[in-house]
Amino acid sequence: MKKSLVLKPAAGKKRDSTIKERINLAAKWLLTEPAKSLQLLVELISENAENVYLWILMAQAQQRLGASAEAEECLNNAQAVGADNLDLINAKAEFLYHNGRFAELNEYLNDVIKLYGYGDKEEVLSLQALVLLKLNKFDQAEILYSHLTERSPGNWLY
């Protein structure tokens, strides 16, 4: 008598889908229930502290709850895990921008461009040009905007 071969999903795949569902739930709650989102994110990070996106979401939850110092600490933890992650770079830039820390943001973007080779990323250069305007460095901003316009003449943002 032959045994039938029944394929069962691997245990790890079911666990991964459950984690993804919980991450999506935390992201969904972020806008309407940041405290609930934060609680779920604390649980998720305790299970997977190497996930940059969990740290980013946690920083956003902390920021929505008015805890800027904790949000910045989460972003620093995310940097320790994956400093070259473009989503993290955007999250940290947004944090610094909204807190009016333009000089620090400009320095951070300069470091990002040098360390990770994002000098060709239009979104990084566009953000840096905006920061230069905030710092009243109009000549430098104009050079960046000219460069961006040459690269993408059809982009009406430049």
N, C-alpha and C. Protein backbone atom coordinates (compact mmCIF):
# COMPACT_ATOMS: atom_id res chain seq x y z
N MET A 1 0.84 -1.16 0.00
CA MET A 1 0.00 0.00 0.00
C MET A 1 0.89 1.24 0.00
N LYS A 2 0.61 2.13 -0.94
CA LYS A 2 1.39 3.35 -1.05
C LYS A 2 0.78 4.44 -0.18
N LYS A 3 1.69 5.19 0.44
CA LYS A 3 1.22 6.34 1.21
C LYS A 3 1.06 7.51 0.26
N SER A 4 0.01 8.25 0.44
CA SER A 4 -0.16 9.42 -0.42
C SER A 4 0.71 10.56 0.11
N LEU A 5 1.21 11.28 -0.81
CA LEU A 5 2.07 12.40 -0.47
C LEU A 5 1.21 13.65 -0.38
N VAL A 6 1.07 14.16 0.80
CA VAL A 6 0.28 15.36 1.02
C VAL A 6 1.25 16.49 1.34
N LEU A 7 1.16 17.54 0.55
CA LEU A 7 2.04 18.68 0.77
C LEU A 7 1.41 19.62 1.79
N LYS A 8 2.18 19.92 2.80
CA LYS A 8 1.74 20.86 3.83
C LYS A 8 2.62 22.09 3.77
N PRO A 9 2.04 23.24 4.01
CA PRO A 9 2.87 24.43 4.01
C PRO A 9 3.90 24.35 5.14
N ALA A 10 5.06 24.87 4.85
CA ALA A 10 6.11 24.87 5.86
C ALA A 10 5.69 25.75 7.03
N ALA A 11 6.11 25.36 8.21
CA ALA A 11 5.73 26.11 9.42
C ALA A 11 6.21 27.55 9.35
N GLY A 12 7.38 27.77 8.78
CA GLY A 12 7.94 29.11 8.68
C GLY A 12 7.11 30.02 7.81
N LYS A 13 6.52 29.48 6.75
CA LYS A 13 5.71 30.30 5.84
C LYS A 13 4.44 30.79 6.53
N LYS A 14 3.83 29.92 7.34
CA LYS A 14 2.63 30.33 8.05
C LYS A 14 2.99 31.41 9.06
N ARG A 15 4.11 31.24 9.72
CA ARG A 15 4.56 32.24 10.69
C ARG A 15 4.84 33.57 10.01
N ASP A 16 5.50 33.51 8.82
CA ASP A 16 5.79 34.74 8.07
C ASP A 16 4.51 35.47 7.68
N SER A 17 3.50 34.72 7.23
CA SER A 17 2.26 35.38 6.82
C SER A 17 1.55 35.98 8.03
N THR A 18 1.64 35.33 9.18
CA THR A 18 1.04 35.88 10.39
C THR A 18 1.75 37.17 10.79
N ILE A 19 3.07 37.19 10.71
CA ILE A 19 3.84 38.39 11.04
C ILE A 19 3.48 39.51 10.08
N LYS A 20 3.38 39.20 8.79
CA LYS A 20 3.01 40.22 7.80
C LYS A 20 1.63 40.79 8.10
N GLU A 21 0.70 39.93 8.48
CA GLU A 21 -0.65 40.39 8.81
C GLU A 21 -0.61 41.33 10.02
N ARG A 22 0.20 40.98 11.00
CA ARG A 22 0.31 41.82 12.21
C ARG A 22 0.99 43.15 11.88
N ILE A 23 1.98 43.12 11.00
CA ILE A 23 2.64 44.37 10.58
C ILE A 23 1.64 45.25 9.84
N ASN A 24 0.87 44.66 8.94
CA ASN A 24 -0.15 45.42 8.20
C ASN A 24 -1.18 46.02 9.16
N LEU A 25 -1.55 45.27 10.19
CA LEU A 25 -2.50 45.76 11.18
C LEU A 25 -1.91 46.94 11.95
N ALA A 26 -0.64 46.84 12.33
CA ALA A 26 0.03 47.94 13.03
C ALA A 26 0.09 49.18 12.14
N ALA A 27 0.38 48.98 10.86
CA ALA A 27 0.42 50.12 9.93
C ALA A 27 -0.96 50.74 9.75
N LYS A 28 -1.98 49.90 9.71
CA LYS A 28 -3.35 50.39 9.58
C LYS A 28 -3.75 51.22 10.80
N TRP A 29 -3.40 50.75 11.98
CA TRP A 29 -3.74 51.45 13.22
C TRP A 29 -2.94 52.72 13.42
N LEU A 30 -1.84 52.84 12.71
CA LEU A 30 -0.93 53.98 12.91
C LEU A 30 -1.64 55.32 12.81
N LEU A 31 -2.52 55.48 11.84
CA LEU A 31 -3.20 56.76 11.63
C LEU A 31 -4.34 57.01 12.62
N THR A 32 -5.05 55.95 12.99
CA THR A 32 -6.24 56.14 13.82
C THR A 32 -6.02 55.79 15.28
N GLU A 33 -5.18 54.80 15.53
CA GLU A 33 -4.95 54.34 16.91
C GLU A 33 -3.45 54.11 17.13
N PRO A 34 -2.65 55.18 17.20
CA PRO A 34 -1.21 55.00 17.31
C PRO A 34 -0.76 54.28 18.58
N ALA A 35 -1.50 54.42 19.68
CA ALA A 35 -1.11 53.73 20.92
C ALA A 35 -1.28 52.22 20.75
N LYS A 36 -2.35 51.82 20.11
CA LYS A 36 -2.59 50.39 19.84
C LYS A 36 -1.54 49.86 18.87
N SER A 37 -1.22 50.66 17.87
CA SER A 37 -0.18 50.29 16.91
C SER A 37 1.16 50.11 17.61
N LEU A 38 1.49 51.05 18.49
CA LEU A 38 2.75 50.99 19.23
C LEU A 38 2.84 49.72 20.07
N GLN A 39 1.75 49.37 20.73
CA GLN A 39 1.73 48.17 21.55
C GLN A 39 2.02 46.92 20.71
N LEU A 40 1.39 46.83 19.56
CA LEU A 40 1.62 45.69 18.67
C LEU A 40 3.04 45.70 18.14
N LEU A 41 3.56 46.87 17.82
CA LEU A 41 4.92 46.97 17.29
C LEU A 41 5.96 46.57 18.33
N VAL A 42 5.71 46.88 19.59
CA VAL A 42 6.63 46.45 20.66
C VAL A 42 6.71 44.93 20.69
N GLU A 43 5.55 44.27 20.56
CA GLU A 43 5.53 42.80 20.52
C GLU A 43 6.29 42.28 19.30
N LEU A 44 6.03 42.88 18.15
CA LEU A 44 6.68 42.42 16.92
C LEU A 44 8.19 42.61 16.96
N ILE A 45 8.63 43.74 17.49
CA ILE A 45 10.07 44.00 17.56
C ILE A 45 10.75 43.05 18.54
N SER A 46 10.06 42.67 19.59
CA SER A 46 10.66 41.72 20.53
C SER A 46 10.92 40.38 19.85
N GLU A 47 10.14 40.08 18.82
CA GLU A 47 10.31 38.85 18.06
C GLU A 47 11.30 39.00 16.90
N ASN A 48 11.42 40.24 16.37
CA ASN A 48 12.22 40.44 15.18
C ASN A 48 12.84 41.84 15.19
N ALA A 49 13.86 42.02 16.00
CA ALA A 49 14.49 43.33 16.17
C ALA A 49 15.34 43.74 14.97
N GLU A 50 15.54 42.84 14.02
CA GLU A 50 16.37 43.13 12.85
C GLU A 50 15.56 43.67 11.67
N ASN A 51 14.27 43.90 11.87
CA ASN A 51 13.40 44.38 10.80
C ASN A 51 13.36 45.91 10.81
N VAL A 52 13.98 46.52 9.82
CA VAL A 52 14.06 47.98 9.71
C VAL A 52 12.67 48.60 9.67
N TYR A 53 11.75 47.97 8.95
CA TYR A 53 10.42 48.53 8.77
C TYR A 53 9.63 48.59 10.08
N LEU A 54 9.86 47.63 10.97
CA LEU A 54 9.20 47.68 12.27
C LEU A 54 9.68 48.89 13.07
N TRP A 55 10.98 49.16 13.01
CA TRP A 55 11.54 50.32 13.72
C TRP A 55 11.00 51.62 13.13
N ILE A 56 10.86 51.67 11.80
CA ILE A 56 10.32 52.87 11.15
C ILE A 56 8.88 53.09 11.59
N LEU A 57 8.08 52.03 11.56
CA LEU A 57 6.68 52.16 11.99
C LEU A 57 6.59 52.56 13.46
N MET A 58 7.47 52.00 14.28
CA MET A 58 7.46 52.34 15.69
C MET A 58 7.81 53.82 15.88
N ALA A 59 8.77 54.30 15.12
CA ALA A 59 9.14 55.72 15.19
C ALA A 59 7.95 56.60 14.81
N GLN A 60 7.23 56.20 13.78
CA GLN A 60 6.07 56.98 13.35
C GLN A 60 4.97 56.96 14.41
N ALA A 61 4.78 55.81 15.06
CA ALA A 61 3.78 55.73 16.13
C ALA A 61 4.19 56.63 17.30
N GLN A 62 5.46 56.57 17.66
CA GLN A 62 5.95 57.41 18.76
C GLN A 62 5.75 58.90 18.41
N GLN A 63 6.06 59.25 17.18
CA GLN A 63 5.92 60.64 16.76
C GLN A 63 4.46 61.08 16.81
N ARG A 64 3.55 60.22 16.39
CA ARG A 64 2.12 60.55 16.43
C ARG A 64 1.64 60.72 17.87
N LEU A 65 2.30 60.04 18.79
CA LEU A 65 1.93 60.15 20.20
C LEU A 65 2.66 61.30 20.89
N GLY A 66 3.47 62.04 20.12
CA GLY A 66 4.17 63.20 20.66
C GLY A 66 5.46 62.88 21.39
N ALA A 67 5.98 61.70 21.20
CA ALA A 67 7.21 61.28 21.87
C ALA A 67 8.37 61.35 20.89
N SER A 68 8.85 62.57 20.63
CA SER A 68 9.90 62.78 19.63
C SER A 68 11.21 62.09 19.99
N ALA A 69 11.60 62.14 21.25
CA ALA A 69 12.87 61.52 21.66
C ALA A 69 12.82 60.01 21.42
N GLU A 70 11.70 59.39 21.75
CA GLU A 70 11.55 57.94 21.54
C GLU A 70 11.51 57.62 20.05
N ALA A 71 10.86 58.49 19.27
CA ALA A 71 10.81 58.28 17.82
C ALA A 71 12.22 58.33 17.24
N GLU A 72 13.00 59.29 17.68
CA GLU A 72 14.37 59.39 17.18
C GLU A 72 15.20 58.18 17.59
N GLU A 73 14.98 57.68 18.79
CA GLU A 73 15.69 56.48 19.24
C GLU A 73 15.33 55.28 18.36
N CYS A 74 14.06 55.18 17.98
CA CYS A 74 13.64 54.09 17.08
C CYS A 74 14.34 54.22 15.73
N LEU A 75 14.44 55.44 15.21
CA LEU A 75 15.12 55.65 13.93
C LEU A 75 16.61 55.30 14.05
N ASN A 76 17.20 55.61 15.19
CA ASN A 76 18.61 55.24 15.40
C ASN A 76 18.77 53.72 15.47
N ASN A 77 17.81 53.04 16.09
CA ASN A 77 17.84 51.57 16.12
C ASN A 77 17.69 51.00 14.71
N ALA A 78 16.83 51.62 13.91
CA ALA A 78 16.66 51.19 12.53
C ALA A 78 17.95 51.37 11.75
N GLN A 79 18.65 52.48 12.01
CA GLN A 79 19.93 52.73 11.33
C GLN A 79 20.96 51.66 11.69
N ALA A 80 20.94 51.21 12.92
CA ALA A 80 21.87 50.17 13.34
C ALA A 80 21.62 48.86 12.59
N VAL A 81 20.37 48.66 12.18
CA VAL A 81 19.99 47.43 11.48
C VAL A 81 20.23 47.55 9.97
N GLY A 82 19.87 48.69 9.38
CA GLY A 82 19.98 48.85 7.93
C GLY A 82 20.07 50.29 7.51
N ALA A 83 21.21 50.89 7.74
CA ALA A 83 21.37 52.33 7.52
C ALA A 83 21.19 52.76 6.07
N ASP A 84 21.42 51.86 5.12
CA ASP A 84 21.33 52.25 3.71
C ASP A 84 19.95 52.02 3.11
N ASN A 85 18.98 51.66 3.93
CA ASN A 85 17.61 51.43 3.47
C ASN A 85 16.98 52.77 3.08
N LEU A 86 16.52 52.88 1.86
CA LEU A 86 15.98 54.14 1.35
C LEU A 86 14.72 54.58 2.09
N ASP A 87 13.90 53.64 2.51
CA ASP A 87 12.71 53.99 3.29
C ASP A 87 13.10 54.58 4.64
N LEU A 88 14.14 54.03 5.24
CA LEU A 88 14.64 54.57 6.50
C LEU A 88 15.21 55.97 6.29
N ILE A 89 15.96 56.15 5.23
CA ILE A 89 16.54 57.46 4.93
C ILE A 89 15.42 58.49 4.79
N ASN A 90 14.36 58.13 4.09
CA ASN A 90 13.21 59.04 3.94
C ASN A 90 12.53 59.31 5.27
N ALA A 91 12.37 58.28 6.10
CA ALA A 91 11.72 58.45 7.40
C ALA A 91 12.54 59.36 8.30
N LYS A 92 13.85 59.16 8.32
CA LYS A 92 14.70 60.01 9.16
C LYS A 92 14.71 61.44 8.63
N ALA A 93 14.76 61.59 7.32
CA ALA A 93 14.73 62.93 6.72
C ALA A 93 13.42 63.63 7.06
N GLU A 94 12.32 62.93 6.96
CA GLU A 94 11.02 63.50 7.30
C GLU A 94 10.97 63.91 8.77
N PHE A 95 11.51 63.07 9.64
CA PHE A 95 11.54 63.38 11.07
C PHE A 95 12.33 64.66 11.33
N LEU A 96 13.53 64.73 10.77
CA LEU A 96 14.37 65.91 10.98
C LEU A 96 13.72 67.16 10.38
N TYR A 97 13.13 67.02 9.20
CA TYR A 97 12.48 68.15 8.53
C TYR A 97 11.33 68.70 9.37
N HIS A 98 10.46 67.80 9.83
CA HIS A 98 9.29 68.24 10.59
C HIS A 98 9.64 68.78 11.97
N ASN A 99 10.84 68.47 12.43
CA ASN A 99 11.29 69.03 13.70
C ASN A 99 12.17 70.27 13.51
N GLY A 100 12.24 70.75 12.26
CA GLY A 100 12.97 71.99 11.97
C GLY A 100 14.47 71.89 12.11
N ARG A 101 15.00 70.70 12.03
CA ARG A 101 16.44 70.49 12.19
C ARG A 101 17.10 70.41 10.80
N PHE A 102 17.04 71.54 10.09
CA PHE A 102 17.45 71.58 8.69
C PHE A 102 18.96 71.41 8.51
N ALA A 103 19.76 72.02 9.36
CA ALA A 103 21.22 71.89 9.24
C ALA A 103 21.63 70.44 9.46
N GLU A 104 21.04 69.81 10.45
CA GLU A 104 21.34 68.40 10.71
C GLU A 104 20.86 67.52 9.55
N LEU A 105 19.71 67.85 9.00
CA LEU A 105 19.18 67.11 7.86
C LEU A 105 20.10 67.25 6.65
N ASN A 106 20.59 68.45 6.41
CA ASN A 106 21.50 68.66 5.28
C ASN A 106 22.77 67.82 5.46
N GLU A 107 23.30 67.82 6.67
CA GLU A 107 24.50 67.02 6.96
C GLU A 107 24.20 65.53 6.79
N TYR A 108 23.04 65.09 7.26
CA TYR A 108 22.64 63.69 7.11
C TYR A 108 22.54 63.30 5.64
N LEU A 109 21.91 64.15 4.83
CA LEU A 109 21.78 63.85 3.40
C LEU A 109 23.13 63.83 2.70
N ASN A 110 24.03 64.73 3.09
CA ASN A 110 25.39 64.70 2.55
C ASN A 110 26.07 63.37 2.87
N ASP A 111 25.92 62.91 4.10
CA ASP A 111 26.50 61.63 4.50
C ASP A 111 25.90 60.47 3.72
N VAL A 112 24.57 60.50 3.55
CA VAL A 112 23.88 59.45 2.80
C VAL A 112 24.41 59.38 1.37
N ILE A 113 24.57 60.53 0.76
CA ILE A 113 25.05 60.57 -0.63
C ILE A 113 26.48 60.03 -0.71
N LYS A 114 27.32 60.43 0.23
CA LYS A 114 28.72 59.97 0.22
C LYS A 114 28.85 58.50 0.58
N LEU A 115 28.18 58.08 1.64
CA LEU A 115 28.36 56.72 2.15
C LEU A 115 27.67 55.64 1.32
N TYR A 116 26.49 55.96 0.81
CA TYR A 116 25.69 54.92 0.15
C TYR A 116 25.52 55.13 -1.34
N GLY A 117 26.14 56.17 -1.87
CA GLY A 117 26.10 56.38 -3.31
C GLY A 117 24.72 56.77 -3.83
N TYR A 118 23.95 57.49 -3.03
CA TYR A 118 22.63 57.90 -3.46
C TYR A 118 22.64 59.25 -4.15
N GLY A 119 23.79 59.66 -4.68
CA GLY A 119 23.89 60.91 -5.40
C GLY A 119 23.13 60.90 -6.71
N ASP A 120 22.72 59.72 -7.15
CA ASP A 120 21.95 59.62 -8.39
C ASP A 120 20.45 59.46 -8.12
N LYS A 121 20.06 59.42 -6.87
CA LYS A 121 18.64 59.27 -6.52
C LYS A 121 17.98 60.65 -6.51
N GLU A 122 17.06 60.83 -7.44
CA GLU A 122 16.41 62.13 -7.58
C GLU A 122 15.67 62.55 -6.32
N GLU A 123 15.05 61.60 -5.63
CA GLU A 123 14.29 62.00 -4.44
C GLU A 123 15.21 62.50 -3.33
N VAL A 124 16.41 61.94 -3.22
CA VAL A 124 17.37 62.41 -2.21
C VAL A 124 17.88 63.79 -2.59
N LEU A 125 18.21 63.97 -3.86
CA LEU A 125 18.72 65.27 -4.32
C LEU A 125 17.64 66.35 -4.24
N SER A 126 16.41 66.01 -4.56
CA SER A 126 15.31 66.96 -4.48
C SER A 126 15.08 67.40 -3.04
N LEU A 127 15.14 66.45 -2.13
CA LEU A 127 14.98 66.78 -0.71
C LEU A 127 16.13 67.66 -0.24
N GLN A 128 17.33 67.35 -0.69
CA GLN A 128 18.47 68.17 -0.29
C GLN A 128 18.33 69.60 -0.83
N ALA A 129 17.85 69.75 -2.03
CA ALA A 129 17.64 71.10 -2.59
C ALA A 129 16.62 71.87 -1.76
N LEU A 130 15.55 71.20 -1.35
CA LEU A 130 14.55 71.84 -0.50
C LEU A 130 15.14 72.27 0.84
N VAL A 131 15.97 71.43 1.42
CA VAL A 131 16.61 71.75 2.69
C VAL A 131 17.56 72.93 2.52
N LEU A 132 18.28 72.96 1.41
CA LEU A 132 19.18 74.09 1.15
C LEU A 132 18.40 75.40 1.06
N LEU A 133 17.22 75.35 0.48
CA LEU A 133 16.36 76.55 0.45
C LEU A 133 15.99 76.97 1.86
N LYS A 134 15.65 76.01 2.70
CA LYS A 134 15.29 76.32 4.10
C LYS A 134 16.47 76.94 4.85
N LEU A 135 17.68 76.56 4.45
CA LEU A 135 18.89 77.09 5.09
C LEU A 135 19.38 78.38 4.43
N ASN A 136 18.58 78.89 3.48
CA ASN A 136 18.92 80.11 2.73
C ASN A 136 20.22 79.97 1.92
N LYS A 137 20.49 78.77 1.47
CA LYS A 137 21.65 78.52 0.61
C LYS A 137 21.13 78.40 -0.82
N PHE A 138 20.69 79.53 -1.33
CA PHE A 138 19.98 79.55 -2.60
C PHE A 138 20.85 79.14 -3.79
N ASP A 139 22.11 79.55 -3.78
CA ASP A 139 23.00 79.20 -4.90
C ASP A 139 23.18 77.68 -5.00
N GLN A 140 23.40 77.04 -3.88
CA GLN A 140 23.57 75.58 -3.88
C GLN A 140 22.28 74.88 -4.29
N ALA A 141 21.15 75.38 -3.81
CA ALA A 141 19.85 74.80 -4.17
C ALA A 141 19.60 74.94 -5.67
N GLU A 142 19.96 76.11 -6.21
CA GLU A 142 19.76 76.35 -7.64
C GLU A 142 20.59 75.37 -8.48
N ILE A 143 21.82 75.11 -8.04
CA ILE A 143 22.68 74.16 -8.76
C ILE A 143 22.04 72.78 -8.76
N LEU A 144 21.54 72.36 -7.60
CA LEU A 144 20.89 71.04 -7.53
C LEU A 144 19.63 70.99 -8.38
N TYR A 145 18.81 72.02 -8.32
CA TYR A 145 17.59 72.04 -9.13
C TYR A 145 17.93 72.05 -10.62
N SER A 146 18.98 72.76 -11.01
CA SER A 146 19.40 72.76 -12.42
C SER A 146 19.82 71.37 -12.85
N HIS A 147 20.57 70.71 -11.99
CA HIS A 147 21.01 69.34 -12.27
C HIS A 147 19.80 68.40 -12.40
N LEU A 148 18.85 68.54 -11.49
CA LEU A 148 17.65 67.70 -11.53
C LEU A 148 16.82 67.97 -12.78
N THR A 149 16.73 69.23 -13.18
CA THR A 149 15.97 69.61 -14.37
C THR A 149 16.62 69.05 -15.63
N GLU A 150 17.95 69.06 -15.67
CA GLU A 150 18.65 68.48 -16.82
C GLU A 150 18.38 66.99 -16.92
N ARG A 151 18.34 66.32 -15.79
CA ARG A 151 18.11 64.87 -15.77
C ARG A 151 16.68 64.51 -16.12
N SER A 152 15.74 65.32 -15.67
CA SER A 152 14.32 65.04 -15.90
C SER A 152 13.60 66.31 -16.33
N PRO A 153 13.79 66.73 -17.58
CA PRO A 153 13.20 67.99 -18.02
C PRO A 153 11.68 68.01 -17.96
N GLY A 154 11.05 66.86 -18.03
CA GLY A 154 9.60 66.81 -18.00
C GLY A 154 9.00 66.82 -16.61
N ASN A 155 9.83 66.78 -15.58
CA ASN A 155 9.31 66.73 -14.22
C ASN A 155 8.97 68.15 -13.76
N TRP A 156 7.70 68.43 -13.61
CA TRP A 156 7.24 69.78 -13.29
C TRP A 156 7.59 70.22 -11.86
N LEU A 157 8.03 69.29 -11.02
CA LEU A 157 8.39 69.65 -9.65
C LEU A 157 9.65 70.49 -9.58
N TYR A 158 10.50 70.38 -10.59
CA TYR A 158 11.77 71.12 -10.58
C TYR A 158 11.61 72.38 -11.37
